[in-house]
Amino acid sequence: MRQVERRVEDAEDAVAAALAPDRIDDLGHRVEELAVTAVTHDDLLQVRIDIARLTAELTRVRAELQAEIDRVNDALLDVTDARLPRRAAG
């Protein structure tokens, strides 16, 4: 019986310490900081929109670069085509 009483007293002490005014003030301050720094749904939505725009832009640039590479490659193949007559150097 004495062990149960001691456990109850220990639990009461732990609860009292957790609810001490300085601990509650500290918790309130931490909650306020979290509210200020927390990411909102609008923040996440804006990031997703920005990522979608960036993805589209990168896709467009990649296609343009691939087209330019293909044009240069075709030009080089035309220049090096063995069936075409070569001009004399000089």
PDB file of N, CA and C in Angstrom:
ATOM      1  N   MET A   1       0.823  -1.180   0.000  1.00  0.00           N
ATOM      2  CA  MET A   1       0.000   0.000   0.000  1.00  0.00           C
ATOM      3  C   MET A   1       0.881   1.262   0.000  1.00  0.00           C
ATOM      4  N   ARG A   2       1.945   1.208   0.751  1.00  0.00           N
ATOM      5  CA  ARG A   2       2.847   2.351   0.840  1.00  0.00           C
ATOM      6  C   ARG A   2       3.467   2.670  -0.531  1.00  0.00           C
ATOM      7  N   GLN A   3       3.775   1.635  -1.327  1.00  0.00           N
ATOM      8  CA  GLN A   3       4.336   1.841  -2.664  1.00  0.00           C
ATOM      9  C   GLN A   3       3.337   2.570  -3.567  1.00  0.00           C
ATOM     10  N   VAL A   4       2.075   2.225  -3.456  1.00  0.00           N
ATOM     11  CA  VAL A   4       1.053   2.873  -4.272  1.00  0.00           C
ATOM     12  C   VAL A   4       0.940   4.333  -3.879  1.00  0.00           C
ATOM     13  N   GLU A   5       0.955   4.610  -2.587  1.00  0.00           N
ATOM     14  CA  GLU A   5       0.885   5.995  -2.121  1.00  0.00           C
ATOM     15  C   GLU A   5       2.086   6.792  -2.625  1.00  0.00           C
ATOM     16  N   ARG A   6       3.246   6.172  -2.577  1.00  0.00           N
ATOM     17  CA  ARG A   6       4.463   6.860  -3.039  1.00  0.00           C
ATOM     18  C   ARG A   6       4.385   7.131  -4.538  1.00  0.00           C
ATOM     19  N   ARG A   7       3.893   6.189  -5.316  1.00  0.00           N
ATOM     20  CA  ARG A   7       3.750   6.380  -6.756  1.00  0.00           C
ATOM     21  C   ARG A   7       2.764   7.510  -7.055  1.00  0.00           C
ATOM     22  N   VAL A   8       1.672   7.579  -6.320  1.00  0.00           N
ATOM     23  CA  VAL A   8       0.688   8.641  -6.510  1.00  0.00           C
ATOM     24  C   VAL A   8       1.313   9.992  -6.174  1.00  0.00           C
ATOM     25  N   GLU A   9       2.078  10.036  -5.078  1.00  0.00           N
ATOM     26  CA  GLU A   9       2.752  11.280  -4.707  1.00  0.00           C
ATOM     27  C   GLU A   9       3.757  11.698  -5.786  1.00  0.00           C
ATOM     28  N   ASP A  10       4.505  10.733  -6.316  1.00  0.00           N
ATOM     29  CA  ASP A  10       5.465  11.034  -7.372  1.00  0.00           C
ATOM     30  C   ASP A  10       4.751  11.566  -8.622  1.00  0.00           C
ATOM     31  N   ALA A  11       3.629  10.962  -8.955  1.00  0.00           N
ATOM     32  CA  ALA A  11       2.857  11.410 -10.113  1.00  0.00           C
ATOM     33  C   ALA A  11       2.326  12.824  -9.879  1.00  0.00           C
ATOM     34  N   GLU A  12       1.844  13.086  -8.668  1.00  0.00           N
ATOM     35  CA  GLU A  12       1.359  14.431  -8.343  1.00  0.00           C
ATOM     36  C   GLU A  12       2.488  15.449  -8.446  1.00  0.00           C
ATOM     37  N   ASP A  13       3.670  15.096  -7.957  1.00  0.00           N
ATOM     38  CA  ASP A  13       4.817  15.999  -8.039  1.00  0.00           C
ATOM     39  C   ASP A  13       5.195  16.273  -9.491  1.00  0.00           C
ATOM     40  N   ALA A  14       5.166  15.243 -10.324  1.00  0.00           N
ATOM     41  CA  ALA A  14       5.513  15.411 -11.736  1.00  0.00           C
ATOM     42  C   ALA A  14       4.504  16.314 -12.439  1.00  0.00           C
ATOM     43  N   VAL A  15       3.222  16.140 -12.135  1.00  0.00           N
ATOM     44  CA  VAL A  15       2.188  16.978 -12.749  1.00  0.00           C
ATOM     45  C   VAL A  15       2.331  18.412 -12.266  1.00  0.00           C
ATOM     46  N   ALA A  16       2.559  18.592 -10.971  1.00  0.00           N
ATOM     47  CA  ALA A  16       2.726  19.942 -10.423  1.00  0.00           C
ATOM     48  C   ALA A  16       3.927  20.630 -11.057  1.00  0.00           C
ATOM     49  N   ALA A  17       5.010  19.916 -11.243  1.00  0.00           N
ATOM     50  CA  ALA A  17       6.204  20.504 -11.858  1.00  0.00           C
ATOM     51  C   ALA A  17       5.932  20.862 -13.316  1.00  0.00           C
ATOM     52  N   ALA A  18       5.189  20.004 -14.010  1.00  0.00           N
ATOM     53  CA  ALA A  18       4.887  20.260 -15.419  1.00  0.00           C
ATOM     54  C   ALA A  18       3.969  21.462 -15.584  1.00  0.00           C
ATOM     55  N   LEU A  19       3.133  21.709 -14.602  1.00  0.00           N
ATOM     56  CA  LEU A  19       2.183  22.812 -14.687  1.00  0.00           C
ATOM     57  C   LEU A  19       2.647  24.061 -13.946  1.00  0.00           C
ATOM     58  N   ALA A  20       3.897  24.096 -13.575  1.00  0.00           N
ATOM     59  CA  ALA A  20       4.436  25.267 -12.890  1.00  0.00           C
ATOM     60  C   ALA A  20       4.319  26.477 -13.813  1.00  0.00           C
ATOM     61  N   PRO A  21       4.067  27.666 -13.247  1.00  0.00           N
ATOM     62  CA  PRO A  21       3.864  28.862 -14.082  1.00  0.00           C
ATOM     63  C   PRO A  21       5.004  29.140 -15.069  1.00  0.00           C
ATOM     64  N   ASP A  22       6.241  28.946 -14.659  1.00  0.00           N
ATOM     65  CA  ASP A  22       7.345  29.203 -15.587  1.00  0.00           C
ATOM     66  C   ASP A  22       7.352  28.201 -16.740  1.00  0.00           C
ATOM     67  N   ARG A  23       6.957  26.962 -16.485  1.00  0.00           N
ATOM     68  CA  ARG A  23       6.888  25.954 -17.558  1.00  0.00           C
ATOM     69  C   ARG A  23       5.757  26.275 -18.521  1.00  0.00           C
ATOM     70  N   ILE A  24       4.618  26.752 -17.988  1.00  0.00           N
ATOM     71  CA  ILE A  24       3.492  27.094 -18.850  1.00  0.00           C
ATOM     72  C   ILE A  24       3.845  28.307 -19.703  1.00  0.00           C
ATOM     73  N   ASP A  25       4.537  29.290 -19.096  1.00  0.00           N
ATOM     74  CA  ASP A  25       4.968  30.459 -19.867  1.00  0.00           C
ATOM     75  C   ASP A  25       5.924  30.048 -20.979  1.00  0.00           C
ATOM     76  N   ASP A  26       6.849  29.149 -20.655  1.00  0.00           N
ATOM     77  CA  ASP A  26       7.796  28.662 -21.652  1.00  0.00           C
ATOM     78  C   ASP A  26       7.056  27.951 -22.780  1.00  0.00           C
ATOM     79  N   LEU A  27       6.093  27.123 -22.439  1.00  0.00           N
ATOM     80  CA  LEU A  27       5.307  26.413 -23.437  1.00  0.00           C
ATOM     81  C   LEU A  27       4.532  27.403 -24.303  1.00  0.00           C
ATOM     82  N   GLY A  28       3.953  28.442 -23.664  1.00  0.00           N
ATOM     83  CA  GLY A  28       3.229  29.458 -24.426  1.00  0.00           C
ATOM     84  C   GLY A  28       4.142  30.166 -25.410  1.00  0.00           C
ATOM     85  N   HIS A  29       5.348  30.490 -24.983  1.00  0.00           N
ATOM     86  CA  HIS A  29       6.326  31.146 -25.855  1.00  0.00           C
ATOM     87  C   HIS A  29       6.702  30.245 -27.024  1.00  0.00           C
ATOM     88  N   ARG A  30       6.893  28.973 -26.759  1.00  0.00           N
ATOM     89  CA  ARG A  30       7.255  28.028 -27.823  1.00  0.00           C
ATOM     90  C   ARG A  30       6.113  27.866 -28.823  1.00  0.00           C
ATOM     91  N   VAL A  31       4.879  27.864 -28.332  1.00  0.00           N
ATOM     92  CA  VAL A  31       3.723  27.750 -29.233  1.00  0.00           C
ATOM     93  C   VAL A  31       3.628  29.000 -30.109  1.00  0.00           C
ATOM     94  N   GLU A  32       3.871  30.177 -29.534  1.00  0.00           N
ATOM     95  CA  GLU A  32       3.857  31.418 -30.321  1.00  0.00           C
ATOM     96  C   GLU A  32       4.928  31.387 -31.404  1.00  0.00           C
ATOM     97  N   GLU A  33       6.120  30.934 -31.070  1.00  0.00           N
ATOM     98  CA  GLU A  33       7.194  30.829 -32.068  1.00  0.00           C
ATOM     99  C   GLU A  33       6.802  29.879 -33.185  1.00  0.00           C
ATOM    100  N   LEU A  34       6.210  28.775 -32.826  1.00  0.00           N
ATOM    101  CA  LEU A  34       5.788  27.803 -33.827  1.00  0.00           C
ATOM    102  C   LEU A  34       4.719  28.398 -34.739  1.00  0.00           C
ATOM    103  N   ALA A  35       3.801  29.153 -34.173  1.00  0.00           N
ATOM    104  CA  ALA A  35       2.748  29.767 -34.980  1.00  0.00           C
ATOM    105  C   ALA A  35       3.329  30.754 -35.984  1.00  0.00           C
ATOM    106  N   VAL A  36       4.382  31.442 -35.604  1.00  0.00           N
ATOM    107  CA  VAL A  36       5.001  32.427 -36.498  1.00  0.00           C
ATOM    108  C   VAL A  36       5.830  31.735 -37.582  1.00  0.00           C
ATOM    109  N   THR A  37       6.509  30.661 -37.234  1.00  0.00           N
ATOM    110  CA  THR A  37       7.423  30.014 -38.178  1.00  0.00           C
ATOM    111  C   THR A  37       6.810  28.836 -38.919  1.00  0.00           C
ATOM    112  N   ALA A  38       5.616  28.435 -38.557  1.00  0.00           N
ATOM    113  CA  ALA A  38       5.006  27.266 -39.189  1.00  0.00           C
ATOM    114  C   ALA A  38       4.677  27.550 -40.651  1.00  0.00           C
ATOM    115  N   VAL A  39       4.819  26.543 -41.480  1.00  0.00           N
ATOM    116  CA  VAL A  39       4.505  26.641 -42.893  1.00  0.00           C
ATOM    117  C   VAL A  39       2.993  26.523 -43.056  1.00  0.00           C
ATOM    118  N   THR A  40       2.427  27.426 -43.852  1.00  0.00           N
ATOM    119  CA  THR A  40       0.989  27.398 -44.072  1.00  0.00           C
ATOM    120  C   THR A  40       0.657  26.623 -45.345  1.00  0.00           C
ATOM    121  N   HIS A  41      -0.608  26.348 -45.503  1.00  0.00           N
ATOM    122  CA  HIS A  41      -1.076  25.676 -46.717  1.00  0.00           C
ATOM    123  C   HIS A  41      -0.775  26.539 -47.938  1.00  0.00           C
ATOM    124  N   ASP A  42      -0.952  27.858 -47.808  1.00  0.00           N
ATOM    125  CA  ASP A  42      -0.659  28.769 -48.923  1.00  0.00           C
ATOM    126  C   ASP A  42       0.822  28.732 -49.295  1.00  0.00           C
ATOM    127  N   ASP A  43       1.694  28.632 -48.287  1.00  0.00           N
ATOM    128  CA  ASP A  43       3.132  28.531 -48.557  1.00  0.00           C
ATOM    129  C   ASP A  43       3.431  27.279 -49.378  1.00  0.00           C
ATOM    130  N   LEU A  44       2.860  26.160 -48.974  1.00  0.00           N
ATOM    131  CA  LEU A  44       3.092  24.909 -49.697  1.00  0.00           C
ATOM    132  C   LEU A  44       2.525  24.964 -51.103  1.00  0.00           C
ATOM    133  N   LEU A  45       1.368  25.578 -51.247  1.00  0.00           N
ATOM    134  CA  LEU A  45       0.762  25.710 -52.570  1.00  0.00           C
ATOM    135  C   LEU A  45       1.636  26.568 -53.478  1.00  0.00           C
ATOM    136  N   GLN A  46       2.179  27.652 -52.942  1.00  0.00           N
ATOM    137  CA  GLN A  46       3.052  28.524 -53.737  1.00  0.00           C
ATOM    138  C   GLN A  46       4.315  27.786 -54.174  1.00  0.00           C
ATOM    139  N   VAL A  47       4.878  26.974 -53.295  1.00  0.00           N
ATOM    140  CA  VAL A  47       6.065  26.190 -53.649  1.00  0.00           C
ATOM    141  C   VAL A  47       5.736  25.212 -54.766  1.00  0.00           C
ATOM    142  N   ARG A  48       4.576  24.570 -54.679  1.00  0.00           N
ATOM    143  CA  ARG A  48       4.188  23.621 -55.726  1.00  0.00           C
ATOM    144  C   ARG A  48       4.003  24.326 -57.070  1.00  0.00           C
ATOM    145  N   ILE A  49       3.419  25.530 -57.034  1.00  0.00           N
ATOM    146  CA  ILE A  49       3.243  26.299 -58.271  1.00  0.00           C
ATOM    147  C   ILE A  49       4.603  26.681 -58.847  1.00  0.00           C
ATOM    148  N   ASP A  50       5.510  27.133 -57.992  1.00  0.00           N
ATOM    149  CA  ASP A  50       6.852  27.500 -58.452  1.00  0.00           C
ATOM    150  C   ASP A  50       7.581  26.308 -59.047  1.00  0.00           C
ATOM    151  N   ILE A  51       7.444  25.158 -58.430  1.00  0.00           N
ATOM    152  CA  ILE A  51       8.082  23.941 -58.950  1.00  0.00           C
ATOM    153  C   ILE A  51       7.499  23.577 -60.311  1.00  0.00           C
ATOM    154  N   ALA A  52       6.193  23.697 -60.462  1.00  0.00           N
ATOM    155  CA  ALA A  52       5.560  23.388 -61.749  1.00  0.00           C
ATOM    156  C   ALA A  52       6.056  24.338 -62.838  1.00  0.00           C
ATOM    157  N   ARG A  53       6.183  25.631 -62.506  1.00  0.00           N
ATOM    158  CA  ARG A  53       6.699  26.602 -63.482  1.00  0.00           C
ATOM    159  C   ARG A  53       8.142  26.274 -63.864  1.00  0.00           C
ATOM    160  N   LEU A  54       8.946  25.965 -62.866  1.00  0.00           N
ATOM    161  CA  LEU A  54      10.348  25.638 -63.127  1.00  0.00           C
ATOM    162  C   LEU A  54      10.462  24.381 -63.984  1.00  0.00           C
ATOM    163  N   THR A  55       9.649  23.393 -63.699  1.00  0.00           N
ATOM    164  CA  THR A  55       9.652  22.157 -64.477  1.00  0.00           C
ATOM    165  C   THR A  55       9.295  22.438 -65.932  1.00  0.00           C
ATOM    166  N   ALA A  56       8.287  23.261 -66.146  1.00  0.00           N
ATOM    167  CA  ALA A  56       7.883  23.605 -67.513  1.00  0.00           C
ATOM    168  C   ALA A  56       9.003  24.360 -68.227  1.00  0.00           C
ATOM    169  N   GLU A  57       9.621  25.286 -67.537  1.00  0.00           N
ATOM    170  CA  GLU A  57      10.717  26.059 -68.140  1.00  0.00           C
ATOM    171  C   GLU A  57      11.896  25.155 -68.492  1.00  0.00           C
ATOM    172  N   LEU A  58      12.252  24.247 -67.595  1.00  0.00           N
ATOM    173  CA  LEU A  58      13.359  23.327 -67.876  1.00  0.00           C
ATOM    174  C   LEU A  58      13.037  22.403 -69.047  1.00  0.00           C
ATOM    175  N   THR A  59      11.809  21.981 -69.145  1.00  0.00           N
ATOM    176  CA  THR A  59      11.395  21.129 -70.267  1.00  0.00           C
ATOM    177  C   THR A  59      11.524  21.894 -71.575  1.00  0.00           C
ATOM    178  N   ARG A  60      11.095  23.159 -71.578  1.00  0.00           N
ATOM    179  CA  ARG A  60      11.187  23.991 -72.774  1.00  0.00           C
ATOM    180  C   ARG A  60      12.646  24.214 -73.175  1.00  0.00           C
ATOM    181  N   VAL A  61      13.491  24.555 -72.215  1.00  0.00           N
ATOM    182  CA  VAL A  61      14.906  24.805 -72.496  1.00  0.00           C
ATOM    183  C   VAL A  61      15.580  23.534 -73.005  1.00  0.00           C
ATOM    184  N   ARG A  62      15.248  22.407 -72.407  1.00  0.00           N
ATOM    185  CA  ARG A  62      15.829  21.140 -72.860  1.00  0.00           C
ATOM    186  C   ARG A  62      15.451  20.859 -74.310  1.00  0.00           C
ATOM    187  N   ALA A  63      14.193  21.100 -74.664  1.00  0.00           N
ATOM    188  CA  ALA A  63      13.750  20.869 -76.039  1.00  0.00           C
ATOM    189  C   ALA A  63      14.472  21.800 -77.006  1.00  0.00           C
ATOM    190  N   GLU A  64      14.637  23.065 -76.613  1.00  0.00           N
ATOM    191  CA  GLU A  64      15.359  24.006 -77.466  1.00  0.00           C
ATOM    192  C   GLU A  64      16.817  23.584 -77.653  1.00  0.00           C
ATOM    193  N   LEU A  65      17.458  23.173 -76.570  1.00  0.00           N
ATOM    194  CA  LEU A  65      18.856  22.727 -76.665  1.00  0.00           C
ATOM    195  C   LEU A  65      18.989  21.481 -77.525  1.00  0.00           C
ATOM    196  N   GLN A  66      18.042  20.550 -77.370  1.00  0.00           N
ATOM    197  CA  GLN A  66      18.099  19.334 -78.182  1.00  0.00           C
ATOM    198  C   GLN A  66      17.926  19.665 -79.658  1.00  0.00           C
ATOM    199  N   ALA A  67      17.027  20.608 -79.962  1.00  0.00           N
ATOM    200  CA  ALA A  67      16.832  21.011 -81.357  1.00  0.00           C
ATOM    201  C   ALA A  67      18.103  21.660 -81.903  1.00  0.00           C
ATOM    202  N   GLU A  68      18.752  22.489 -81.112  1.00  0.00           N
ATOM    203  CA  GLU A  68      19.996  23.137 -81.544  1.00  0.00           C
ATOM    204  C   GLU A  68      21.100  22.096 -81.758  1.00  0.00           C
ATOM    205  N   ILE A  69      21.198  21.138 -80.858  1.00  0.00           N
ATOM    206  CA  ILE A  69      22.191  20.061 -81.007  1.00  0.00           C
ATOM    207  C   ILE A  69      21.926  19.280 -82.281  1.00  0.00           C
ATOM    208  N   ASP A  70      20.668  18.983 -82.557  1.00  0.00           N
ATOM    209  CA  ASP A  70      20.319  18.254 -83.780  1.00  0.00           C
ATOM    210  C   ASP A  70      20.695  19.050 -85.024  1.00  0.00           C
ATOM    211  N   ARG A  71      20.457  20.381 -85.006  1.00  0.00           N
ATOM    212  CA  ARG A  71      20.819  21.220 -86.160  1.00  0.00           C
ATOM    213  C   ARG A  71      22.335  21.221 -86.369  1.00  0.00           C
ATOM    214  N   VAL A  72      23.093  21.363 -85.307  1.00  0.00           N
ATOM    215  CA  VAL A  72      24.557  21.364 -85.411  1.00  0.00           C
ATOM    216  C   VAL A  72      25.044  20.004 -85.890  1.00  0.00           C
ATOM    217  N   ASN A  73      24.455  18.959 -85.359  1.00  0.00           N
ATOM    218  CA  ASN A  73      24.841  17.606 -85.771  1.00  0.00           C
ATOM    219  C   ASN A  73      24.567  17.398 -87.263  1.00  0.00           C
ATOM    220  N   ASP A  74      23.395  17.835 -87.722  1.00  0.00           N
ATOM    221  CA  ASP A  74      23.072  17.698 -89.150  1.00  0.00           C
ATOM    222  C   ASP A  74      24.044  18.500 -90.004  1.00  0.00           C
ATOM    223  N   ALA A  75      24.402  19.703 -89.550  1.00  0.00           N
ATOM    224  CA  ALA A  75      25.351  20.534 -90.297  1.00  0.00           C
ATOM    225  C   ALA A  75      26.715  19.860 -90.367  1.00  0.00           C
ATOM    226  N   LEU A  76      27.150  19.282 -89.257  1.00  0.00           N
ATOM    227  CA  LEU A  76      28.441  18.579 -89.256  1.00  0.00           C
ATOM    228  C   LEU A  76      28.403  17.354 -90.154  1.00  0.00           C
ATOM    229  N   LEU A  77      27.295  16.647 -90.164  1.00  0.00           N
ATOM    230  CA  LEU A  77      27.178  15.479 -91.043  1.00  0.00           C
ATOM    231  C   LEU A  77      27.223  15.905 -92.508  1.00  0.00           C
ATOM    232  N   ASP A  78      26.584  17.050 -92.825  1.00  0.00           N
ATOM    233  CA  ASP A  78      26.631  17.545 -94.203  1.00  0.00           C
ATOM    234  C   ASP A  78      28.043  17.901 -94.608  1.00  0.00           C
ATOM    235  N   VAL A  79      28.780  18.505 -93.707  1.00  0.00           N
ATOM    236  CA  VAL A  79      30.157  18.919 -93.997  1.00  0.00           C
ATOM    237  C   VAL A  79      31.064  17.712 -94.164  1.00  0.00           C
ATOM    238  N   THR A  80      30.845  16.690 -93.376  1.00  0.00           N
ATOM    239  CA  THR A  80      31.737  15.531 -93.407  1.00  0.00           C
ATOM    240  C   THR A  80      31.225  14.405 -94.300  1.00  0.00           C
ATOM    241  N   ASP A  81      30.132  14.635 -95.012  1.00  0.00           N
ATOM    242  CA  ASP A  81      29.576  13.595 -95.883  1.00  0.00           C
ATOM    243  C   ASP A  81      30.575  13.290 -97.000  1.00  0.00           C
ATOM    244  N   ALA A  82      30.961  12.041 -97.120  1.00  0.00           N
ATOM    245  CA  ALA A  82      31.980  11.626 -98.099  1.00  0.00           C
ATOM    246  C   ALA A  82      31.483  11.787 -99.530  1.00  0.00           C
ATOM    247  N   ARG A  83      30.191  11.802 -99.727  1.00  0.00           N
ATOM    248  CA  ARG A  83      29.654  11.921-101.097  1.00  0.00           C
ATOM    249  C   ARG A  83      29.782  13.343-101.632  1.00  0.00           C
ATOM    250  N   LEU A  84      29.962  14.301-100.737  1.00  0.00           N
ATOM    251  CA  LEU A  84      30.088  15.686-101.195  1.00  0.00           C
ATOM    252  C   LEU A  84      31.534  15.950-101.609  1.00  0.00           C
ATOM    253  N   PRO A  85      31.735  16.735-102.660  1.00  0.00           N
ATOM    254  CA  PRO A  85      33.115  17.064-103.062  1.00  0.00           C
ATOM    255  C   PRO A  85      33.743  18.009-102.049  1.00  0.00           C
ATOM    256  N   ARG A  86      35.020  17.814-101.833  1.00  0.00           N
ATOM    257  CA  ARG A  86      35.759  18.664-100.879  1.00  0.00           C
ATOM    258  C   ARG A  86      36.416  19.793-101.629  1.00  0.00           C
ATOM    259  N   ARG A  87      36.454  20.942-100.941  1.00  0.00           N
ATOM    260  CA  ARG A  87      37.156  22.093-101.516  1.00  0.00           C
ATOM    261  C   ARG A  87      38.628  22.028-101.111  1.00  0.00           C
ATOM    262  N   ALA A  88      39.450  22.534-101.946  1.00  0.00           N
ATOM    263  CA  ALA A  88      40.886  22.566-101.642  1.00  0.00           C
ATOM    264  C   ALA A  88      41.150  23.598-100.560  1.00  0.00           C
ATOM    265  N   ALA A  89      42.040  23.253 -99.644  1.00  0.00           N
ATOM    266  CA  ALA A  89      42.391  24.182 -98.566  1.00  0.00           C
ATOM    267  C   ALA A  89      43.262  25.290 -99.126  1.00  0.00           C
ATOM    268  N   GLY A  90      43.030  26.486 -98.611  1.00  0.00           N
ATOM    269  CA  GLY A  90      43.984  27.523 -98.950  1.00  0.00           C
ATOM    270  C   GLY A  90      43.454  28.563 -99.744  1.00  0.00           C
TER     271      GLY A  90
END
